[in-house]
Amino acid sequence: MSQYWQWIEHKGKRILLAKFGGLRDEKTYVEAIADLEQEILRQPKGQLIPLALDVSDTRVTRAVTNRGKQLMETAKANGIPDSPTALIGLSGTQKAIVMAIQLVRGDIHVVGSLDEAKDWLVSRLG
């Protein structure tokens, strides 16, 4: 396990919780994304990885955004499909960015709490 992620269970389903809340230092945030990427790449090819992503009180920079995009591209290139992702703690500007992403990849949802994230993710898994 890592300080930046952990597997949790909700209603019999496994969910990967990314604990990025409070990350304001760009280098640390990029390292946290890289750490999460390594865990995602350890999962079996073709497996959905429901992700609850806590980004409350973070500072998003171009480097952080680019590293997040790289994670998605690397996962897809390694046989990990786009998976349901619940975002917790977005600011107003971040919500606008996510709404643009939803046009391309619809299985992203903005929620207000971890409990909401878990319920939404489980509902997407059937």
Protein backbone atom coordinates (compact mmCIF):
# COMPACT_ATOMS: atom_id res chain seq x y z
CA MET A 1 0.00 0.00 0.00
CA SER A 2 1.01 3.60 -0.50
CA GLN A 3 0.36 6.87 1.26
CA TYR A 4 -1.34 8.02 -1.97
CA TRP A 5 -3.69 5.11 -2.67
CA GLN A 6 -5.44 2.16 -1.06
CA TRP A 7 -7.93 -0.48 -2.08
CA ILE A 8 -11.24 -0.26 -0.25
CA GLU A 9 -14.34 -2.42 -0.44
CA HIS A 10 -17.92 -1.21 -0.72
CA LYS A 11 -20.93 -3.49 -1.13
CA GLY A 12 -18.67 -6.35 -2.14
CA LYS A 13 -16.82 -4.38 -4.85
CA ARG A 14 -13.18 -3.29 -4.81
CA ILE A 15 -12.50 0.41 -5.37
CA LEU A 16 -9.12 2.07 -5.75
CA LEU A 17 -9.01 5.23 -3.61
CA ALA A 18 -6.45 7.83 -4.70
CA LYS A 19 -5.63 10.04 -1.73
CA PHE A 20 -4.37 13.23 -3.35
CA GLY A 21 -6.25 15.63 -1.05
CA GLY A 22 -4.05 18.47 0.16
CA LEU A 23 -1.30 18.00 -2.43
CA ARG A 24 -0.12 21.48 -3.31
CA ASP A 25 3.51 20.82 -4.22
CA GLU A 26 3.78 20.05 -7.95
CA LYS A 27 6.66 17.56 -7.62
CA THR A 28 4.91 15.60 -4.88
CA TYR A 29 1.61 15.56 -6.82
CA VAL A 30 3.34 14.26 -9.97
CA GLU A 31 5.08 11.57 -7.88
CA ALA A 32 1.73 10.58 -6.35
CA ILE A 33 0.22 10.15 -9.82
CA ALA A 34 3.20 8.01 -10.86
CA ASP A 35 2.73 5.87 -7.74
CA LEU A 36 -0.97 5.41 -8.57
CA GLU A 37 -0.07 4.51 -12.14
CA GLN A 38 2.18 1.69 -10.94
CA GLU A 39 -0.68 0.17 -8.94
CA ILE A 40 -3.06 0.47 -11.88
CA LEU A 41 -0.55 -1.26 -14.16
CA ARG A 42 -0.29 -4.18 -11.68
CA GLN A 43 -3.96 -5.02 -12.36
CA PRO A 44 -4.99 -7.68 -14.90
CA LYS A 45 -5.43 -6.47 -18.47
CA GLY A 46 -9.02 -5.80 -19.42
CA GLN A 47 -10.14 -5.27 -15.82
CA LEU A 48 -12.17 -2.21 -14.89
CA ILE A 49 -10.59 -0.28 -12.03
CA PRO A 50 -13.23 1.85 -10.31
CA LEU A 51 -11.38 4.89 -9.01
CA ALA A 52 -12.36 7.31 -6.27
CA LEU A 53 -10.04 10.28 -6.67
CA ASP A 54 -9.83 12.77 -3.80
CA VAL A 55 -8.49 16.04 -5.18
CA SER A 56 -9.75 18.32 -2.41
CA ASP A 57 -7.51 21.28 -1.61
CA THR A 58 -4.99 20.47 -4.36
CA ARG A 59 -3.04 22.73 -6.66
CA VAL A 60 -3.30 21.58 -10.24
CA THR A 61 -0.56 22.73 -12.60
CA ARG A 62 0.20 21.97 -16.23
CA ALA A 63 2.73 19.31 -15.12
CA VAL A 64 0.11 17.65 -12.89
CA THR A 65 -2.47 17.71 -15.69
CA ASN A 66 0.01 16.31 -18.20
CA ARG A 67 1.04 13.52 -15.81
CA GLY A 68 -2.61 12.62 -15.28
CA LYS A 69 -3.15 12.41 -19.05
CA GLN A 70 -0.02 10.28 -19.36
CA LEU A 71 -1.38 7.89 -16.71
CA MET A 72 -4.61 7.43 -18.71
CA GLU A 73 -2.70 6.87 -21.96
CA THR A 74 -0.28 4.41 -20.35
CA ALA A 75 -3.10 2.45 -18.71
CA LYS A 76 -4.99 2.20 -21.99
CA ALA A 77 -1.83 1.17 -23.89
CA ASN A 78 -1.34 -1.60 -21.31
CA GLY A 79 -4.83 -3.04 -21.72
CA ILE A 80 -6.57 -1.27 -18.84
CA PRO A 81 -9.91 0.07 -20.09
CA ASP A 82 -11.35 3.46 -19.20
CA SER A 83 -12.98 2.82 -15.85
CA PRO A 84 -15.58 4.67 -13.81
CA THR A 85 -13.94 7.54 -11.93
CA ALA A 86 -15.51 9.59 -9.15
CA LEU A 87 -13.84 12.90 -8.36
CA ILE A 88 -14.12 14.24 -4.81
CA GLY A 89 -13.50 17.83 -3.75
CA LEU A 90 -13.26 19.73 -7.01
CA SER A 91 -13.06 23.52 -7.07
CA GLY A 92 -15.16 25.55 -9.50
CA THR A 93 -12.41 25.78 -12.12
CA GLN A 94 -11.62 22.08 -11.81
CA LYS A 95 -15.31 21.23 -12.31
CA ALA A 96 -15.32 23.14 -15.61
CA ILE A 97 -12.31 21.14 -16.81
CA VAL A 98 -13.95 17.86 -15.83
CA MET A 99 -17.13 18.79 -17.69
CA ALA A 100 -15.03 19.17 -20.86
CA ILE A 101 -13.42 15.75 -20.23
CA GLN A 102 -16.86 14.19 -19.77
CA LEU A 103 -17.65 15.02 -23.38
CA VAL A 104 -14.83 12.70 -24.45
CA ARG A 105 -15.00 10.13 -21.67
CA GLY A 106 -18.40 9.97 -20.03
CA ASP A 107 -17.72 7.67 -17.08
CA ILE A 108 -16.42 10.46 -14.84
CA HIS A 109 -18.61 11.85 -12.09
CA VAL A 110 -18.14 14.72 -9.65
CA VAL A 111 -19.24 13.97 -6.08
CA GLY A 112 -19.14 15.75 -2.75
CA SER A 113 -17.91 12.94 -0.50
CA LEU A 114 -16.20 9.57 -0.41
CA ASP A 115 -19.50 7.90 0.49
CA GLU A 116 -21.13 9.37 -2.64
CA ALA A 117 -18.13 8.26 -4.69
CA LYS A 118 -18.35 4.68 -3.42
CA ASP A 119 -22.09 4.45 -4.08
CA TRP A 120 -21.78 5.89 -7.59
CA LEU A 121 -18.85 3.62 -8.48
CA VAL A 122 -20.65 0.50 -7.28
CA SER A 123 -23.71 1.52 -9.31
CA ARG A 124 -21.52 1.66 -12.43
CA LEU A 125 -20.21 -1.86 -11.86
CA GLY A 126 -23.62 -3.49 -11.85
